[in-house]
Amino acid sequence: MLNNEDFAEEEYEAEIITLEDDLGNEKDFEFLDVVEYDGDEYIILLPVAEEEQNEVMILRIDSVDDETENYVGIDDEETLQKVFDIFKERYKDDYDFE
């Protein structure tokens, strides 16, 4: 879990990414980082909706071509944990991880 209160007080321009689910519903996320693990790249996103800001979303990046990427959900809990651990270590001074 992620406590984003301290980070939210800093002045910066968030990069917002809008994703569409399988049902066509759009949801906004703040881009946090890209983490490389085991030959793949993973995007780390934080939901913009306040009620969901305590957990990040981690998706695998599949490059279609030079301009297009697909973001794929991850079923492997071990991979999710490893990627999140890398992210936590990288940002341990910026976020209060619970």
PDB file of N, CA and C in Angstrom:
ATOM      1  N   MET A   1       0.843  -1.178   0.000  1.00  0.00           N
ATOM      2  CA  MET A   1       0.000   0.000   0.000  1.00  0.00           C
ATOM      3  C   MET A   1       0.885   1.236   0.000  1.00  0.00           C
ATOM      4  N   LEU A   2       0.331   2.309  -0.467  1.00  0.00           N
ATOM      5  CA  LEU A   2       1.101   3.516  -0.668  1.00  0.00           C
ATOM      6  C   LEU A   2       0.384   4.692  -0.054  1.00  0.00           C
ATOM      7  N   ASN A   3       1.100   5.449   0.757  1.00  0.00           N
ATOM      8  CA  ASN A   3       0.559   6.678   1.308  1.00  0.00           C
ATOM      9  C   ASN A   3       1.158   7.817   0.505  1.00  0.00           C
ATOM     10  N   ASN A   4       0.331   8.522  -0.239  1.00  0.00           N
ATOM     11  CA  ASN A   4       0.793   9.511  -1.192  1.00  0.00           C
ATOM     12  C   ASN A   4       0.652  10.941  -0.679  1.00  0.00           C
ATOM     13  N   GLU A   5       0.340  11.148   0.597  1.00  0.00           N
ATOM     14  CA  GLU A   5       0.070  12.488   1.113  1.00  0.00           C
ATOM     15  C   GLU A   5       1.263  13.425   0.968  1.00  0.00           C
ATOM     16  N   ASP A   6       2.442  12.996   1.390  1.00  0.00           N
ATOM     17  CA  ASP A   6       3.608  13.864   1.318  1.00  0.00           C
ATOM     18  C   ASP A   6       3.962  14.192  -0.117  1.00  0.00           C
ATOM     19  N   PHE A   7       3.906  13.207  -0.984  1.00  0.00           N
ATOM     20  CA  PHE A   7       4.269  13.412  -2.381  1.00  0.00           C
ATOM     21  C   PHE A   7       3.272  14.350  -3.065  1.00  0.00           C
ATOM     22  N   ALA A   8       2.003  14.263  -2.705  1.00  0.00           N
ATOM     23  CA  ALA A   8       0.976  15.089  -3.333  1.00  0.00           C
ATOM     24  C   ALA A   8       1.159  16.562  -3.008  1.00  0.00           C
ATOM     25  N   GLU A   9       1.814  16.877  -1.890  1.00  0.00           N
ATOM     26  CA  GLU A   9       2.002  18.268  -1.508  1.00  0.00           C
ATOM     27  C   GLU A   9       3.096  18.953  -2.324  1.00  0.00           C
ATOM     28  N   GLU A  10       4.006  18.187  -2.907  1.00  0.00           N
ATOM     29  CA  GLU A  10       5.048  18.770  -3.732  1.00  0.00           C
ATOM     30  C   GLU A  10       4.420  19.311  -5.015  1.00  0.00           C
ATOM     31  N   GLU A  11       5.031  20.378  -5.532  1.00  0.00           N
ATOM     32  CA  GLU A  11       4.510  20.945  -6.763  1.00  0.00           C
ATOM     33  C   GLU A  11       5.188  20.271  -7.948  1.00  0.00           C
ATOM     34  N   TYR A  12       4.412  19.614  -8.752  1.00  0.00           N
ATOM     35  CA  TYR A  12       4.905  18.974  -9.957  1.00  0.00           C
ATOM     36  C   TYR A  12       3.722  18.762 -10.880  1.00  0.00           C
ATOM     37  N   GLU A  13       4.013  18.547 -12.126  1.00  0.00           N
ATOM     38  CA  GLU A  13       2.968  18.293 -13.105  1.00  0.00           C
ATOM     39  C   GLU A  13       2.883  16.792 -13.331  1.00  0.00           C
ATOM     40  N   ALA A  14       1.786  16.200 -12.921  1.00  0.00           N
ATOM     41  CA  ALA A  14       1.607  14.762 -13.053  1.00  0.00           C
ATOM     42  C   ALA A  14       1.331  14.402 -14.506  1.00  0.00           C
ATOM     43  N   GLU A  15       1.897  13.288 -14.932  1.00  0.00           N
ATOM     44  CA  GLU A  15       1.598  12.761 -16.261  1.00  0.00           C
ATOM     45  C   GLU A  15       0.429  11.794 -16.103  1.00  0.00           C
ATOM     46  N   ILE A  16      -0.690  12.123 -16.715  1.00  0.00           N
ATOM     47  CA  ILE A  16      -1.909  11.331 -16.594  1.00  0.00           C
ATOM     48  C   ILE A  16      -2.079  10.453 -17.832  1.00  0.00           C
ATOM     49  N   ILE A  17      -2.363   9.197 -17.577  1.00  0.00           N
ATOM     50  CA  ILE A  17      -2.609   8.220 -18.636  1.00  0.00           C
ATOM     51  C   ILE A  17      -4.033   7.724 -18.466  1.00  0.00           C
ATOM     52  N   THR A  18      -4.806   7.731 -19.540  1.00  0.00           N
ATOM     53  CA  THR A  18      -6.165   7.220 -19.509  1.00  0.00           C
ATOM     54  C   THR A  18      -6.174   5.841 -20.162  1.00  0.00           C
ATOM     55  N   LEU A  19      -6.638   4.857 -19.406  1.00  0.00           N
ATOM     56  CA  LEU A  19      -6.734   3.494 -19.912  1.00  0.00           C
ATOM     57  C   LEU A  19      -8.198   3.109 -20.065  1.00  0.00           C
ATOM     58  N   GLU A  20      -8.448   2.222 -21.006  1.00  0.00           N
ATOM     59  CA  GLU A  20      -9.799   1.739 -21.253  1.00  0.00           C
ATOM     60  C   GLU A  20      -9.838   0.248 -20.953  1.00  0.00           C
ATOM     61  N   ASP A  21     -10.825  -0.171 -20.156  1.00  0.00           N
ATOM     62  CA  ASP A  21     -10.930  -1.591 -19.833  1.00  0.00           C
ATOM     63  C   ASP A  21     -11.667  -2.334 -20.947  1.00  0.00           C
ATOM     64  N   ASP A  22     -11.865  -3.633 -20.763  1.00  0.00           N
ATOM     65  CA  ASP A  22     -12.495  -4.476 -21.781  1.00  0.00           C
ATOM     66  C   ASP A  22     -13.935  -4.067 -22.081  1.00  0.00           C
ATOM     67  N   LEU A  23     -14.568  -3.356 -21.139  1.00  0.00           N
ATOM     68  CA  LEU A  23     -15.956  -2.927 -21.316  1.00  0.00           C
ATOM     69  C   LEU A  23     -16.052  -1.522 -21.888  1.00  0.00           C
ATOM     70  N   GLY A  24     -14.922  -0.893 -22.178  1.00  0.00           N
ATOM     71  CA  GLY A  24     -14.920   0.447 -22.747  1.00  0.00           C
ATOM     72  C   GLY A  24     -14.939   1.565 -21.720  1.00  0.00           C
ATOM     73  N   ASN A  25     -14.828   1.232 -20.434  1.00  0.00           N
ATOM     74  CA  ASN A  25     -14.800   2.247 -19.386  1.00  0.00           C
ATOM     75  C   ASN A  25     -13.409   2.862 -19.299  1.00  0.00           C
ATOM     76  N   GLU A  26     -13.342   4.188 -19.254  1.00  0.00           N
ATOM     77  CA  GLU A  26     -12.063   4.880 -19.153  1.00  0.00           C
ATOM     78  C   GLU A  26     -11.750   5.216 -17.702  1.00  0.00           C
ATOM     79  N   LYS A  27     -10.473   5.121 -17.343  1.00  0.00           N
ATOM     80  CA  LYS A  27     -10.028   5.425 -15.998  1.00  0.00           C
ATOM     81  C   LYS A  27      -8.681   6.123 -16.096  1.00  0.00           C
ATOM     82  N   ASP A  28      -8.507   7.186 -15.300  1.00  0.00           N
ATOM     83  CA  ASP A  28      -7.266   7.957 -15.320  1.00  0.00           C
ATOM     84  C   ASP A  28      -6.297   7.472 -14.258  1.00  0.00           C
ATOM     85  N   PHE A  29      -5.014   7.445 -14.639  1.00  0.00           N
ATOM     86  CA  PHE A  29      -3.939   7.041 -13.754  1.00  0.00           C
ATOM     87  C   PHE A  29      -2.795   8.036 -13.872  1.00  0.00           C
ATOM     88  N   GLU A  30      -2.084   8.215 -12.766  1.00  0.00           N
ATOM     89  CA  GLU A  30      -0.867   9.007 -12.778  1.00  0.00           C
ATOM     90  C   GLU A  30       0.295   8.063 -13.054  1.00  0.00           C
ATOM     91  N   PHE A  31       1.111   8.405 -14.050  1.00  0.00           N
ATOM     92  CA  PHE A  31       2.295   7.631 -14.359  1.00  0.00           C
ATOM     93  C   PHE A  31       3.326   7.855 -13.259  1.00  0.00           C
ATOM     94  N   LEU A  32       3.846   6.766 -12.676  1.00  0.00           N
ATOM     95  CA  LEU A  32       4.858   6.876 -11.637  1.00  0.00           C
ATOM     96  C   LEU A  32       6.242   6.469 -12.133  1.00  0.00           C
ATOM     97  N   ASP A  33       6.338   5.345 -12.850  1.00  0.00           N
ATOM     98  CA  ASP A  33       7.651   4.869 -13.265  1.00  0.00           C
ATOM     99  C   ASP A  33       7.496   3.679 -14.208  1.00  0.00           C
ATOM    100  N   VAL A  34       8.633   3.316 -14.820  1.00  0.00           N
ATOM    101  CA  VAL A  34       8.755   2.071 -15.574  1.00  0.00           C
ATOM    102  C   VAL A  34       9.879   1.283 -14.917  1.00  0.00           C
ATOM    103  N   VAL A  35       9.597   0.024 -14.623  1.00  0.00           N
ATOM    104  CA  VAL A  35      10.561  -0.854 -13.965  1.00  0.00           C
ATOM    105  C   VAL A  35      10.884  -2.008 -14.908  1.00  0.00           C
ATOM    106  N   GLU A  36      12.170  -2.305 -15.049  1.00  0.00           N
ATOM    107  CA  GLU A  36      12.595  -3.469 -15.823  1.00  0.00           C
ATOM    108  C   GLU A  36      12.819  -4.636 -14.871  1.00  0.00           C
ATOM    109  N   TYR A  37      12.288  -5.794 -15.263  1.00  0.00           N
ATOM    110  CA  TYR A  37      12.477  -7.006 -14.460  1.00  0.00           C
ATOM    111  C   TYR A  37      12.413  -8.225 -15.372  1.00  0.00           C
ATOM    112  N   ASP A  38      13.408  -9.069 -15.290  1.00  0.00           N
ATOM    113  CA  ASP A  38      13.432 -10.354 -15.978  1.00  0.00           C
ATOM    114  C   ASP A  38      13.166 -10.213 -17.484  1.00  0.00           C
ATOM    115  N   GLY A  39      13.761  -9.190 -18.095  1.00  0.00           N
ATOM    116  CA  GLY A  39      13.653  -9.005 -19.533  1.00  0.00           C
ATOM    117  C   GLY A  39      12.408  -8.290 -20.013  1.00  0.00           C
ATOM    118  N   ASP A  40      11.535  -7.914 -19.109  1.00  0.00           N
ATOM    119  CA  ASP A  40      10.308  -7.200 -19.476  1.00  0.00           C
ATOM    120  C   ASP A  40      10.287  -5.836 -18.796  1.00  0.00           C
ATOM    121  N   GLU A  41       9.451  -4.943 -19.329  1.00  0.00           N
ATOM    122  CA  GLU A  41       9.238  -3.640 -18.712  1.00  0.00           C
ATOM    123  C   GLU A  41       7.823  -3.586 -18.153  1.00  0.00           C
ATOM    124  N   TYR A  42       7.708  -2.929 -16.987  1.00  0.00           N
ATOM    125  CA  TYR A  42       6.426  -2.817 -16.298  1.00  0.00           C
ATOM    126  C   TYR A  42       6.165  -1.353 -15.982  1.00  0.00           C
ATOM    127  N   ILE A  43       4.937  -0.916 -16.244  1.00  0.00           N
ATOM    128  CA  ILE A  43       4.559   0.452 -15.932  1.00  0.00           C
ATOM    129  C   ILE A  43       3.877   0.470 -14.562  1.00  0.00           C
ATOM    130  N   ILE A  44       4.231   1.468 -13.764  1.00  0.00           N
ATOM    131  CA  ILE A  44       3.658   1.619 -12.432  1.00  0.00           C
ATOM    132  C   ILE A  44       2.733   2.838 -12.483  1.00  0.00           C
ATOM    133  N   LEU A  45       1.475   2.639 -12.142  1.00  0.00           N
ATOM    134  CA  LEU A  45       0.455   3.680 -12.221  1.00  0.00           C
ATOM    135  C   LEU A  45      -0.269   3.831 -10.885  1.00  0.00           C
ATOM    136  N   LEU A  46      -0.712   5.047 -10.611  1.00  0.00           N
ATOM    137  CA  LEU A  46      -1.491   5.338  -9.409  1.00  0.00           C
ATOM    138  C   LEU A  46      -2.854   5.870  -9.858  1.00  0.00           C
ATOM    139  N   PRO A  47      -3.951   5.238  -9.418  1.00  0.00           N
ATOM    140  CA  PRO A  47      -5.273   5.747  -9.801  1.00  0.00           C
ATOM    141  C   PRO A  47      -5.450   7.196  -9.366  1.00  0.00           C
ATOM    142  N   VAL A  48      -6.076   8.000 -10.223  1.00  0.00           N
ATOM    143  CA  VAL A  48      -6.315   9.407  -9.911  1.00  0.00           C
ATOM    144  C   VAL A  48      -7.454   9.543  -8.911  1.00  0.00           C
ATOM    145  N   ALA A  49      -8.448   8.652  -8.975  1.00  0.00           N
ATOM    146  CA  ALA A  49      -9.586   8.701  -8.056  1.00  0.00           C
ATOM    147  C   ALA A  49      -9.090   8.564  -6.618  1.00  0.00           C
ATOM    148  N   GLU A  50      -9.441   9.524  -5.765  1.00  0.00           N
ATOM    149  CA  GLU A  50      -8.930   9.559  -4.386  1.00  0.00           C
ATOM    150  C   GLU A  50      -9.208   8.293  -3.600  1.00  0.00           C
ATOM    151  N   GLU A  51     -10.366   7.682  -3.793  1.00  0.00           N
ATOM    152  CA  GLU A  51     -10.710   6.496  -3.013  1.00  0.00           C
ATOM    153  C   GLU A  51      -9.834   5.290  -3.383  1.00  0.00           C
ATOM    154  N   GLU A  52      -9.077   5.379  -4.472  1.00  0.00           N
ATOM    155  CA  GLU A  52      -8.240   4.266  -4.910  1.00  0.00           C
ATOM    156  C   GLU A  52      -6.750   4.582  -4.834  1.00  0.00           C
ATOM    157  N   GLN A  53      -6.364   5.688  -4.216  1.00  0.00           N
ATOM    158  CA  GLN A  53      -4.972   6.121  -4.244  1.00  0.00           C
ATOM    159  C   GLN A  53      -4.072   5.416  -3.243  1.00  0.00           C
ATOM    160  N   ASN A  54      -4.503   4.348  -2.638  1.00  0.00           N
ATOM    161  CA  ASN A  54      -3.638   3.650  -1.692  1.00  0.00           C
ATOM    162  C   ASN A  54      -2.961   2.431  -2.306  1.00  0.00           C
ATOM    163  N   GLU A  55      -3.229   2.137  -3.569  1.00  0.00           N
ATOM    164  CA  GLU A  55      -2.601   1.006  -4.228  1.00  0.00           C
ATOM    165  C   GLU A  55      -2.182   1.391  -5.642  1.00  0.00           C
ATOM    166  N   VAL A  56      -1.012   0.915  -6.038  1.00  0.00           N
ATOM    167  CA  VAL A  56      -0.564   1.158  -7.402  1.00  0.00           C
ATOM    168  C   VAL A  56      -1.033   0.023  -8.301  1.00  0.00           C
ATOM    169  N   MET A  57      -1.063   0.307  -9.597  1.00  0.00           N
ATOM    170  CA  MET A  57      -1.363  -0.712 -10.592  1.00  0.00           C
ATOM    171  C   MET A  57      -0.068  -0.988 -11.354  1.00  0.00           C
ATOM    172  N   ILE A  58       0.237  -2.248 -11.535  1.00  0.00           N
ATOM    173  CA  ILE A  58       1.433  -2.655 -12.265  1.00  0.00           C
ATOM    174  C   ILE A  58       0.986  -3.462 -13.472  1.00  0.00           C
ATOM    175  N   LEU A  59       1.417  -3.024 -14.659  1.00  0.00           N
ATOM    176  CA  LEU A  59       1.074  -3.693 -15.906  1.00  0.00           C
ATOM    177  C   LEU A  59       2.331  -3.930 -16.724  1.00  0.00           C
ATOM    178  N   ARG A  60       2.377  -5.054 -17.435  1.00  0.00           N
ATOM    179  CA  ARG A  60       3.505  -5.333 -18.322  1.00  0.00           C
ATOM    180  C   ARG A  60       3.328  -4.546 -19.615  1.00  0.00           C
ATOM    181  N   ILE A  61       4.420  -3.985 -20.116  1.00  0.00           N
ATOM    182  CA  ILE A  61       4.396  -3.214 -21.354  1.00  0.00           C
ATOM    183  C   ILE A  61       4.741  -4.141 -22.515  1.00  0.00           C
ATOM    184  N   ASP A  62       3.834  -4.224 -23.480  1.00  0.00           N
ATOM    185  CA  ASP A  62       4.089  -4.945 -24.726  1.00  0.00           C
ATOM    186  C   ASP A  62       4.145  -3.920 -25.845  1.00  0.00           C
ATOM    187  N   SER A  63       5.309  -3.756 -26.448  1.00  0.00           N
ATOM    188  CA  SER A  63       5.458  -2.803 -27.546  1.00  0.00           C
ATOM    189  C   SER A  63       4.922  -3.419 -28.825  1.00  0.00           C
ATOM    190  N   VAL A  64       4.001  -2.693 -29.471  1.00  0.00           N
ATOM    191  CA  VAL A  64       3.437  -3.133 -30.738  1.00  0.00           C
ATOM    192  C   VAL A  64       4.340  -2.660 -31.869  1.00  0.00           C
ATOM    193  N   ASP A  65       4.715  -1.382 -31.811  1.00  0.00           N
ATOM    194  CA  ASP A  65       5.655  -0.794 -32.751  1.00  0.00           C
ATOM    195  C   ASP A  65       6.320   0.389 -32.059  1.00  0.00           C
ATOM    196  N   ASP A  66       7.024   1.226 -32.801  1.00  0.00           N
ATOM    197  CA  ASP A  66       7.753   2.345 -32.205  1.00  0.00           C
ATOM    198  C   ASP A  66       6.853   3.365 -31.523  1.00  0.00           C
ATOM    199  N   GLU A  67       5.589   3.405 -31.882  1.00  0.00           N
ATOM    200  CA  GLU A  67       4.675   4.423 -31.353  1.00  0.00           C
ATOM    201  C   GLU A  67       3.550   3.861 -30.494  1.00  0.00           C
ATOM    202  N   THR A  68       3.386   2.548 -30.449  1.00  0.00           N
ATOM    203  CA  THR A  68       2.235   1.956 -29.783  1.00  0.00           C
ATOM    204  C   THR A  68       2.666   0.931 -28.738  1.00  0.00           C
ATOM    205  N   GLU A  69       2.036   1.028 -27.567  1.00  0.00           N
ATOM    206  CA  GLU A  69       2.260   0.067 -26.497  1.00  0.00           C
ATOM    207  C   GLU A  69       0.925  -0.460 -26.003  1.00  0.00           C
ATOM    208  N   ASN A  70       0.907  -1.715 -25.640  1.00  0.00           N
ATOM    209  CA  ASN A  70      -0.225  -2.309 -24.946  1.00  0.00           C
ATOM    210  C   ASN A  70       0.203  -2.572 -23.516  1.00  0.00           C
ATOM    211  N   TYR A  71      -0.732  -2.411 -22.579  1.00  0.00           N
ATOM    212  CA  TYR A  71      -0.468  -2.685 -21.172  1.00  0.00           C
ATOM    213  C   TYR A  71      -1.276  -3.915 -20.783  1.00  0.00           C
ATOM    214  N   VAL A  72      -0.571  -4.914 -20.248  1.00  0.00           N
ATOM    215  CA  VAL A  72      -1.172  -6.216 -19.990  1.00  0.00           C
ATOM    216  C   VAL A  72      -1.141  -6.516 -18.494  1.00  0.00           C
ATOM    217  N   GLY A  73      -2.272  -6.997 -17.976  1.00  0.00           N
ATOM    218  CA  GLY A  73      -2.345  -7.397 -16.567  1.00  0.00           C
ATOM    219  C   GLY A  73      -1.420  -8.572 -16.295  1.00  0.00           C
ATOM    220  N   ILE A  74      -1.003  -8.712 -15.038  1.00  0.00           N
ATOM    221  CA  ILE A  74      -0.054  -9.748 -14.642  1.00  0.00           C
ATOM    222  C   ILE A  74      -0.737 -10.685 -13.654  1.00  0.00           C
ATOM    223  N   ASP A  75      -0.736 -11.982 -13.979  1.00  0.00           N
ATOM    224  CA  ASP A  75      -1.342 -12.978 -13.094  1.00  0.00           C
ATOM    225  C   ASP A  75      -0.352 -13.559 -12.103  1.00  0.00           C
ATOM    226  N   ASP A  76       0.932 -13.459 -12.395  1.00  0.00           N
ATOM    227  CA  ASP A  76       1.972 -14.062 -11.566  1.00  0.00           C
ATOM    228  C   ASP A  76       2.262 -13.182 -10.352  1.00  0.00           C
ATOM    229  N   GLU A  77       1.835 -13.634  -9.181  1.00  0.00           N
ATOM    230  CA  GLU A  77       2.007 -12.862  -7.938  1.00  0.00           C
ATOM    231  C   GLU A  77       3.477 -12.621  -7.608  1.00  0.00           C
ATOM    232  N   GLU A  78       4.332 -13.594  -7.914  1.00  0.00           N
ATOM    233  CA  GLU A  78       5.762 -13.438  -7.623  1.00  0.00           C
ATOM    234  C   GLU A  78       6.366 -12.302  -8.453  1.00  0.00           C
ATOM    235  N   THR A  79       6.018 -12.239  -9.720  1.00  0.00           N
ATOM    236  CA  THR A  79       6.504 -11.153 -10.585  1.00  0.00           C
ATOM    237  C   THR A  79       5.980  -9.816 -10.094  1.00  0.00           C
ATOM    238  N   LEU A  80       4.705  -9.749  -9.755  1.00  0.00           N
ATOM    239  CA  LEU A  80       4.127  -8.506  -9.231  1.00  0.00           C
ATOM    240  C   LEU A  80       4.891  -8.036  -7.995  1.00  0.00           C
ATOM    241  N   GLN A  81       5.164  -8.956  -7.081  1.00  0.00           N
ATOM    242  CA  GLN A  81       5.858  -8.591  -5.850  1.00  0.00           C
ATOM    243  C   GLN A  81       7.285  -8.125  -6.133  1.00  0.00           C
ATOM    244  N   LYS A  82       7.981  -8.803  -7.040  1.00  0.00           N
ATOM    245  CA  LYS A  82       9.366  -8.418  -7.374  1.00  0.00           C
ATOM    246  C   LYS A  82       9.397  -7.017  -7.984  1.00  0.00           C
ATOM    247  N   VAL A  83       8.489  -6.742  -8.911  1.00  0.00           N
ATOM    248  CA  VAL A  83       8.435  -5.422  -9.551  1.00  0.00           C
ATOM    249  C   VAL A  83       8.094  -4.356  -8.513  1.00  0.00           C
ATOM    250  N   PHE A  84       7.132  -4.641  -7.640  1.00  0.00           N
ATOM    251  CA  PHE A  84       6.754  -3.679  -6.602  1.00  0.00           C
ATOM    252  C   PHE A  84       7.913  -3.444  -5.630  1.00  0.00           C
ATOM    253  N   ASP A  85       8.661  -4.497  -5.308  1.00  0.00           N
ATOM    254  CA  ASP A  85       9.823  -4.347  -4.421  1.00  0.00           C
ATOM    255  C   ASP A  85      10.875  -3.425  -5.041  1.00  0.00           C
ATOM    256  N   ILE A  86      11.106  -3.560  -6.345  1.00  0.00           N
ATOM    257  CA  ILE A  86      12.051  -2.673  -7.037  1.00  0.00           C
ATOM    258  C   ILE A  86      11.556  -1.237  -6.956  1.00  0.00           C
ATOM    259  N   PHE A  87      10.270  -1.040  -7.223  1.00  0.00           N
ATOM    260  CA  PHE A  87       9.671   0.300  -7.154  1.00  0.00           C
ATOM    261  C   PHE A  87       9.797   0.878  -5.742  1.00  0.00           C
ATOM    262  N   LYS A  88       9.481   0.073  -4.726  1.00  0.00           N
ATOM    263  CA  LYS A  88       9.563   0.546  -3.343  1.00  0.00           C
ATOM    264  C   LYS A  88      10.979   0.962  -2.973  1.00  0.00           C
ATOM    265  N   GLU A  89      11.953   0.191  -3.377  1.00  0.00           N
ATOM    266  CA  GLU A  89      13.341   0.524  -3.069  1.00  0.00           C
ATOM    267  C   GLU A  89      13.743   1.827  -3.765  1.00  0.00           C
ATOM    268  N   ARG A  90      13.334   1.992  -4.995  1.00  0.00           N
ATOM    269  CA  ARG A  90      13.677   3.180  -5.771  1.00  0.00           C
ATOM    270  C   ARG A  90      13.065   4.446  -5.177  1.00  0.00           C
ATOM    271  N   TYR A  91      11.877   4.339  -4.589  1.00  0.00           N
ATOM    272  CA  TYR A  91      11.141   5.512  -4.101  1.00  0.00           C
ATOM    273  C   TYR A  91      10.932   5.509  -2.590  1.00  0.00           C
ATOM    274  N   LYS A  92      11.777   4.800  -1.870  1.00  0.00           N
ATOM    275  CA  LYS A  92      11.603   4.707  -0.418  1.00  0.00           C
ATOM    276  C   LYS A  92      11.679   6.057   0.278  1.00  0.00           C
ATOM    277  N   ASP A  93      12.359   7.033  -0.303  1.00  0.00           N
ATOM    278  CA  ASP A  93      12.468   8.366   0.301  1.00  0.00           C
ATOM    279  C   ASP A  93      11.331   9.300  -0.124  1.00  0.00           C
ATOM    280  N   ASP A  94      10.561   8.904  -1.141  1.00  0.00           N
ATOM    281  CA  ASP A  94       9.494   9.760  -1.669  1.00  0.00           C
ATOM    282  C   ASP A  94       8.102   9.370  -1.185  1.00  0.00           C
ATOM    283  N   TYR A  95       7.902   8.088  -0.899  1.00  0.00           N
ATOM    284  CA  TYR A  95       6.588   7.590  -0.498  1.00  0.00           C
ATOM    285  C   TYR A  95       6.684   6.910   0.866  1.00  0.00           C
ATOM    286  N   ASP A  96       5.558   6.895   1.559  1.00  0.00           N
ATOM    287  CA  ASP A  96       5.436   6.174   2.807  1.00  0.00           C
ATOM    288  C   ASP A  96       4.692   4.873   2.508  1.00  0.00           C
ATOM    289  N   PHE A  97       5.448   3.789   2.313  1.00  0.00           N
ATOM    290  CA  PHE A  97       4.839   2.496   2.008  1.00  0.00           C
ATOM    291  C   PHE A  97       4.378   1.843   3.303  1.00  0.00           C
ATOM    292  N   GLU A  98       3.137   1.386   3.310  1.00  0.00           N
ATOM    293  CA  GLU A  98       2.564   0.751   4.505  1.00  0.00           C
ATOM    294  C   GLU A  98       2.608  -0.739   4.382  1.00  0.00           C
TER     295      GLU A  98
END
